[in-house]
Amino acid sequence: MCTTTGSMRRERSRVQSHRVVADNMIRPANTGVEAYARAIRAKPGISSVMLPVGSGLEISRLATQGE
């Protein structure tokens, strides 16, 4: 095992992230879905992306510990 790889693994293990996956973000379209997307993307520290898979998946991630 390379020491660089080992130290990178240890460094990554210190950073925690929390994820939320929401389904049906494209269909069926309604105001609740739009409000959710706006609200989650407005939260500080959250990165979010909508993937056009099936009826649409919104994957959101909150990173902690300075990430």
PDB file of N, CA and C in Angstrom:
ATOM      1  N   MET A   1       0.843  -1.186   0.000  1.00  0.00           N
ATOM      2  CA  MET A   1       0.000   0.000   0.000  1.00  0.00           C
ATOM      3  C   MET A   1       0.885   1.246   0.000  1.00  0.00           C
ATOM      4  N   CYS A   2       0.583   2.143  -0.831  1.00  0.00           N
ATOM      5  CA  CYS A   2       1.298   3.414  -0.938  1.00  0.00           C
ATOM      6  C   CYS A   2       0.895   4.304   0.239  1.00  0.00           C
ATOM      7  N   THR A   3       1.854   4.980   0.864  1.00  0.00           N
ATOM      8  CA  THR A   3       1.519   5.829   2.008  1.00  0.00           C
ATOM      9  C   THR A   3       0.641   7.002   1.597  1.00  0.00           C
ATOM     10  N   THR A   4       0.821   7.490   0.376  1.00  0.00           N
ATOM     11  CA  THR A   4      -0.035   8.586  -0.098  1.00  0.00           C
ATOM     12  C   THR A   4      -1.484   8.134  -0.158  1.00  0.00           C
ATOM     13  N   THR A   5      -1.708   6.940  -0.715  1.00  0.00           N
ATOM     14  CA  THR A   5      -3.072   6.414  -0.801  1.00  0.00           C
ATOM     15  C   THR A   5      -3.655   6.246   0.588  1.00  0.00           C
ATOM     16  N   GLY A   6      -2.865   5.708   1.512  1.00  0.00           N
ATOM     17  CA  GLY A   6      -3.352   5.517   2.875  1.00  0.00           C
ATOM     18  C   GLY A   6      -3.722   6.825   3.542  1.00  0.00           C
ATOM     19  N   SER A   7      -2.892   7.859   3.379  1.00  0.00           N
ATOM     20  CA  SER A   7      -3.192   9.143   4.002  1.00  0.00           C
ATOM     21  C   SER A   7      -4.407   9.799   3.355  1.00  0.00           C
ATOM     22  N   MET A   8      -4.579   9.615   2.030  1.00  0.00           N
ATOM     23  CA  MET A   8      -5.748  10.170   1.364  1.00  0.00           C
ATOM     24  C   MET A   8      -7.009   9.485   1.882  1.00  0.00           C
ATOM     25  N   ARG A   9      -6.956   8.191   2.111  1.00  0.00           N
ATOM     26  CA  ARG A   9      -8.118   7.480   2.656  1.00  0.00           C
ATOM     27  C   ARG A   9      -8.455   7.988   4.041  1.00  0.00           C
ATOM     28  N   ARG A  10      -7.452   8.181   4.880  1.00  0.00           N
ATOM     29  CA  ARG A  10      -7.708   8.685   6.233  1.00  0.00           C
ATOM     30  C   ARG A  10      -8.305  10.090   6.173  1.00  0.00           C
ATOM     31  N   GLU A  11      -7.791  10.936   5.293  1.00  0.00           N
ATOM     32  CA  GLU A  11      -8.297  12.310   5.169  1.00  0.00           C
ATOM     33  C   GLU A  11      -9.751  12.297   4.740  1.00  0.00           C
ATOM     34  N   ARG A  12     -10.099  11.494   3.759  1.00  0.00           N
ATOM     35  CA  ARG A  12     -11.481  11.426   3.287  1.00  0.00           C
ATOM     36  C   ARG A  12     -12.420  10.931   4.374  1.00  0.00           C
ATOM     37  N   SER A  13     -11.953  10.032   5.237  1.00  0.00           N
ATOM     38  CA  SER A  13     -12.832   9.468   6.255  1.00  0.00           C
ATOM     39  C   SER A  13     -13.230  10.501   7.302  1.00  0.00           C
ATOM     40  N   ARG A  14     -12.483  11.591   7.424  1.00  0.00           N
ATOM     41  CA  ARG A  14     -12.811  12.636   8.398  1.00  0.00           C
ATOM     42  C   ARG A  14     -13.942  13.545   7.932  1.00  0.00           C
ATOM     43  N   VAL A  15     -14.172  13.608   6.642  1.00  0.00           N
ATOM     44  CA  VAL A  15     -15.206  14.486   6.097  1.00  0.00           C
ATOM     45  C   VAL A  15     -16.493  13.692   5.957  1.00  0.00           C
ATOM     46  N   GLN A  16     -17.539  14.176   6.590  1.00  0.00           N
ATOM     47  CA  GLN A  16     -18.828  13.514   6.490  1.00  0.00           C
ATOM     48  C   GLN A  16     -19.709  14.303   5.541  1.00  0.00           C
ATOM     49  N   SER A  17     -20.532  13.608   4.810  1.00  0.00           N
ATOM     50  CA  SER A  17     -21.507  14.301   3.980  1.00  0.00           C
ATOM     51  C   SER A  17     -22.836  13.584   4.108  1.00  0.00           C
ATOM     52  N   HIS A  18     -23.886  14.326   3.930  1.00  0.00           N
ATOM     53  CA  HIS A  18     -25.237  13.799   4.035  1.00  0.00           C
ATOM     54  C   HIS A  18     -25.909  13.999   2.688  1.00  0.00           C
ATOM     55  N   ARG A  19     -26.624  12.989   2.238  1.00  0.00           N
ATOM     56  CA  ARG A  19     -27.259  13.047   0.924  1.00  0.00           C
ATOM     57  C   ARG A  19     -28.757  12.817   1.028  1.00  0.00           C
ATOM     58  N   VAL A  20     -29.474  13.475   0.124  1.00  0.00           N
ATOM     59  CA  VAL A  20     -30.916  13.274  -0.025  1.00  0.00           C
ATOM     60  C   VAL A  20     -31.172  13.057  -1.505  1.00  0.00           C
ATOM     61  N   VAL A  21     -31.948  12.036  -1.833  1.00  0.00           N
ATOM     62  CA  VAL A  21     -32.328  11.779  -3.217  1.00  0.00           C
ATOM     63  C   VAL A  21     -33.841  11.877  -3.304  1.00  0.00           C
ATOM     64  N   ALA A  22     -34.320  12.729  -4.198  1.00  0.00           N
ATOM     65  CA  ALA A  22     -35.763  12.898  -4.410  1.00  0.00           C
ATOM     66  C   ALA A  22     -36.125  12.394  -5.804  1.00  0.00           C
ATOM     67  N   ASP A  23     -37.187  11.630  -5.888  1.00  0.00           N
ATOM     68  CA  ASP A  23     -37.656  11.048  -7.146  1.00  0.00           C
ATOM     69  C   ASP A  23     -38.814  11.868  -7.704  1.00  0.00           C
ATOM     70  N   ASN A  24     -39.167  11.632  -8.949  1.00  0.00           N
ATOM     71  CA  ASN A  24     -40.302  12.286  -9.625  1.00  0.00           C
ATOM     72  C   ASN A  24     -40.145  13.798  -9.707  1.00  0.00           C
ATOM     73  N   MET A  25     -38.930  14.257 -10.006  1.00  0.00           N
ATOM     74  CA  MET A  25     -38.688  15.698 -10.086  1.00  0.00           C
ATOM     75  C   MET A  25     -39.044  16.284 -11.450  1.00  0.00           C
ATOM     76  N   ILE A  26     -39.228  15.449 -12.463  1.00  0.00           N
ATOM     77  CA  ILE A  26     -39.647  15.936 -13.782  1.00  0.00           C
ATOM     78  C   ILE A  26     -41.135  15.658 -13.987  1.00  0.00           C
ATOM     79  N   ARG A  27     -41.531  14.419 -13.757  1.00  0.00           N
ATOM     80  CA  ARG A  27     -42.931  14.014 -13.909  1.00  0.00           C
ATOM     81  C   ARG A  27     -43.366  13.312 -12.647  1.00  0.00           C
ATOM     82  N   PRO A  28     -44.489  13.555 -12.093  1.00  0.00           N
ATOM     83  CA  PRO A  28     -45.444  14.576 -12.504  1.00  0.00           C
ATOM     84  C   PRO A  28     -45.016  15.945 -11.988  1.00  0.00           C
ATOM     85  N   ALA A  29     -45.027  16.910 -12.869  1.00  0.00           N
ATOM     86  CA  ALA A  29     -44.641  18.282 -12.491  1.00  0.00           C
ATOM     87  C   ALA A  29     -45.784  18.930 -11.714  1.00  0.00           C
ATOM     88  N   ASN A  30     -45.443  19.527 -10.586  1.00  0.00           N
ATOM     89  CA  ASN A  30     -46.437  20.289  -9.817  1.00  0.00           C
ATOM     90  C   ASN A  30     -45.723  21.339  -8.979  1.00  0.00           C
ATOM     91  N   THR A  31     -46.476  22.185  -8.341  1.00  0.00           N
ATOM     92  CA  THR A  31     -45.878  23.296  -7.594  1.00  0.00           C
ATOM     93  C   THR A  31     -45.105  22.811  -6.371  1.00  0.00           C
ATOM     94  N   GLY A  32     -45.493  21.680  -5.781  1.00  0.00           N
ATOM     95  CA  GLY A  32     -44.761  21.142  -4.640  1.00  0.00           C
ATOM     96  C   GLY A  32     -43.355  20.722  -5.017  1.00  0.00           C
ATOM     97  N   VAL A  33     -43.218  20.104  -6.171  1.00  0.00           N
ATOM     98  CA  VAL A  33     -41.907  19.673  -6.662  1.00  0.00           C
ATOM     99  C   VAL A  33     -41.038  20.898  -6.936  1.00  0.00           C
ATOM    100  N   GLU A  34     -41.596  21.894  -7.572  1.00  0.00           N
ATOM    101  CA  GLU A  34     -40.848  23.122  -7.873  1.00  0.00           C
ATOM    102  C   GLU A  34     -40.425  23.832  -6.588  1.00  0.00           C
ATOM    103  N   ALA A  35     -41.323  23.878  -5.601  1.00  0.00           N
ATOM    104  CA  ALA A  35     -41.007  24.529  -4.327  1.00  0.00           C
ATOM    105  C   ALA A  35     -39.895  23.768  -3.595  1.00  0.00           C
ATOM    106  N   TYR A  36     -39.945  22.439  -3.643  1.00  0.00           N
ATOM    107  CA  TYR A  36     -38.894  21.634  -3.015  1.00  0.00           C
ATOM    108  C   TYR A  36     -37.536  21.924  -3.653  1.00  0.00           C
ATOM    109  N   ALA A  37     -37.489  21.912  -4.983  1.00  0.00           N
ATOM    110  CA  ALA A  37     -36.225  22.155  -5.688  1.00  0.00           C
ATOM    111  C   ALA A  37     -35.662  23.536  -5.340  1.00  0.00           C
ATOM    112  N   ARG A  38     -36.510  24.552  -5.307  1.00  0.00           N
ATOM    113  CA  ARG A  38     -36.050  25.901  -4.948  1.00  0.00           C
ATOM    114  C   ARG A  38     -35.548  25.948  -3.512  1.00  0.00           C
ATOM    115  N   ALA A  39     -36.291  25.310  -2.598  1.00  0.00           N
ATOM    116  CA  ALA A  39     -35.933  25.355  -1.177  1.00  0.00           C
ATOM    117  C   ALA A  39     -34.619  24.629  -0.904  1.00  0.00           C
ATOM    118  N   ILE A  40     -34.435  23.455  -1.473  1.00  0.00           N
ATOM    119  CA  ILE A  40     -33.218  22.684  -1.211  1.00  0.00           C
ATOM    120  C   ILE A  40     -32.003  23.378  -1.810  1.00  0.00           C
ATOM    121  N   ARG A  41     -32.159  23.985  -2.961  1.00  0.00           N
ATOM    122  CA  ARG A  41     -31.026  24.673  -3.595  1.00  0.00           C
ATOM    123  C   ARG A  41     -30.696  25.998  -2.911  1.00  0.00           C
ATOM    124  N   ALA A  42     -31.624  26.552  -2.152  1.00  0.00           N
ATOM    125  CA  ALA A  42     -31.386  27.810  -1.443  1.00  0.00           C
ATOM    126  C   ALA A  42     -30.673  27.606  -0.107  1.00  0.00           C
ATOM    127  N   LYS A  43     -30.601  26.375   0.362  1.00  0.00           N
ATOM    128  CA  LYS A  43     -29.964  26.102   1.652  1.00  0.00           C
ATOM    129  C   LYS A  43     -28.451  26.276   1.530  1.00  0.00           C
ATOM    130  N   PRO A  44     -27.840  26.993   2.476  1.00  0.00           N
ATOM    131  CA  PRO A  44     -26.386  27.164   2.431  1.00  0.00           C
ATOM    132  C   PRO A  44     -25.670  25.832   2.674  1.00  0.00           C
ATOM    133  N   GLY A  45     -24.602  25.603   1.932  1.00  0.00           N
ATOM    134  CA  GLY A  45     -23.805  24.405   2.118  1.00  0.00           C
ATOM    135  C   GLY A  45     -24.310  23.176   1.370  1.00  0.00           C
ATOM    136  N   ILE A  46     -25.407  23.319   0.642  1.00  0.00           N
ATOM    137  CA  ILE A  46     -25.962  22.187  -0.094  1.00  0.00           C
ATOM    138  C   ILE A  46     -25.669  22.350  -1.578  1.00  0.00           C
ATOM    139  N   SER A  47     -25.145  21.293  -2.173  1.00  0.00           N
ATOM    140  CA  SER A  47     -25.021  21.257  -3.622  1.00  0.00           C
ATOM    141  C   SER A  47     -26.056  20.262  -4.125  1.00  0.00           C
ATOM    142  N   SER A  48     -26.678  20.579  -5.245  1.00  0.00           N
ATOM    143  CA  SER A  48     -27.779  19.760  -5.734  1.00  0.00           C
ATOM    144  C   SER A  48     -27.736  19.704  -7.252  1.00  0.00           C
ATOM    145  N   VAL A  49     -28.097  18.536  -7.785  1.00  0.00           N
ATOM    146  CA  VAL A  49     -28.139  18.367  -9.225  1.00  0.00           C
ATOM    147  C   VAL A  49     -29.364  17.522  -9.564  1.00  0.00           C
ATOM    148  N   MET A  50     -30.027  17.865 -10.662  1.00  0.00           N
ATOM    149  CA  MET A  50     -31.175  17.096 -11.126  1.00  0.00           C
ATOM    150  C   MET A  50     -30.722  16.247 -12.303  1.00  0.00           C
ATOM    151  N   LEU A  51     -30.942  14.953 -12.206  1.00  0.00           N
ATOM    152  CA  LEU A  51     -30.565  14.029 -13.267  1.00  0.00           C
ATOM    153  C   LEU A  51     -31.810  13.571 -14.013  1.00  0.00           C
ATOM    154  N   PRO A  52     -31.793  13.632 -15.345  1.00  0.00           N
ATOM    155  CA  PRO A  52     -32.961  13.218 -16.125  1.00  0.00           C
ATOM    156  C   PRO A  52     -33.028  11.697 -16.283  1.00  0.00           C
ATOM    157  N   VAL A  53     -33.105  11.005 -15.168  1.00  0.00           N
ATOM    158  CA  VAL A  53     -33.191   9.548 -15.143  1.00  0.00           C
ATOM    159  C   VAL A  53     -34.606   9.178 -14.721  1.00  0.00           C
ATOM    160  N   GLY A  54     -35.279   8.375 -15.520  1.00  0.00           N
ATOM    161  CA  GLY A  54     -36.664   8.015 -15.187  1.00  0.00           C
ATOM    162  C   GLY A  54     -37.529   9.253 -15.132  1.00  0.00           C
ATOM    163  N   SER A  55     -38.163   9.465 -13.989  1.00  0.00           N
ATOM    164  CA  SER A  55     -39.011  10.652 -13.790  1.00  0.00           C
ATOM    165  C   SER A  55     -38.249  11.817 -13.200  1.00  0.00           C
ATOM    166  N   GLY A  56     -36.925  11.700 -13.144  1.00  0.00           N
ATOM    167  CA  GLY A  56     -36.083  12.786 -12.635  1.00  0.00           C
ATOM    168  C   GLY A  56     -35.644  12.536 -11.205  1.00  0.00           C
ATOM    169  N   LEU A  57     -34.340  12.572 -10.969  1.00  0.00           N
ATOM    170  CA  LEU A  57     -33.784  12.418  -9.632  1.00  0.00           C
ATOM    171  C   LEU A  57     -33.051  13.688  -9.250  1.00  0.00           C
ATOM    172  N   GLU A  58     -33.371  14.231  -8.102  1.00  0.00           N
ATOM    173  CA  GLU A  58     -32.655  15.384  -7.542  1.00  0.00           C
ATOM    174  C   GLU A  58     -31.756  14.821  -6.448  1.00  0.00           C
ATOM    175  N   ILE A  59     -30.439  14.953  -6.632  1.00  0.00           N
ATOM    176  CA  ILE A  59     -29.485  14.461  -5.649  1.00  0.00           C
ATOM    177  C   ILE A  59     -28.851  15.665  -4.978  1.00  0.00           C
ATOM    178  N   SER A  60     -29.029  15.744  -3.669  1.00  0.00           N
ATOM    179  CA  SER A  60     -28.537  16.888  -2.901  1.00  0.00           C
ATOM    180  C   SER A  60     -27.554  16.380  -1.856  1.00  0.00           C
ATOM    181  N   ARG A  61     -26.542  17.190  -1.597  1.00  0.00           N
ATOM    182  CA  ARG A  61     -25.473  16.786  -0.668  1.00  0.00           C
ATOM    183  C   ARG A  61     -25.113  17.963   0.228  1.00  0.00           C
ATOM    184  N   LEU A  62     -25.062  17.693   1.518  1.00  0.00           N
ATOM    185  CA  LEU A  62     -24.611  18.668   2.505  1.00  0.00           C
ATOM    186  C   LEU A  62     -23.279  18.196   3.025  1.00  0.00           C
ATOM    187  N   ALA A  63     -22.241  18.955   2.781  1.00  0.00           N
ATOM    188  CA  ALA A  63     -20.904  18.608   3.268  1.00  0.00           C
ATOM    189  C   ALA A  63     -20.672  19.302   4.608  1.00  0.00           C
ATOM    190  N   THR A  64     -19.938  18.639   5.479  1.00  0.00           N
ATOM    191  CA  THR A  64     -19.620  19.208   6.778  1.00  0.00           C
ATOM    192  C   THR A  64     -18.124  19.254   6.962  1.00  0.00           C
ATOM    193  N   GLN A  65     -17.674  19.844   8.039  1.00  0.00           N
ATOM    194  CA  GLN A  65     -16.269  19.987   8.396  1.00  0.00           C
ATOM    195  C   GLN A  65     -15.487  20.772   7.360  1.00  0.00           C
ATOM    196  N   GLY A  66     -16.026  21.902   6.931  1.00  0.00           N
ATOM    197  CA  GLY A  66     -15.316  22.813   6.052  1.00  0.00           C
ATOM    198  C   GLY A  66     -15.240  22.431   4.589  1.00  0.00           C
ATOM    199  N   GLU A  67     -15.955  21.419   4.171  1.00  0.00           N
ATOM    200  CA  GLU A  67     -15.892  21.040   2.760  1.00  0.00           C
ATOM    201  C   GLU A  67     -16.825  21.886   1.939  1.00  0.00           C
TER     202      GLU A  67
END
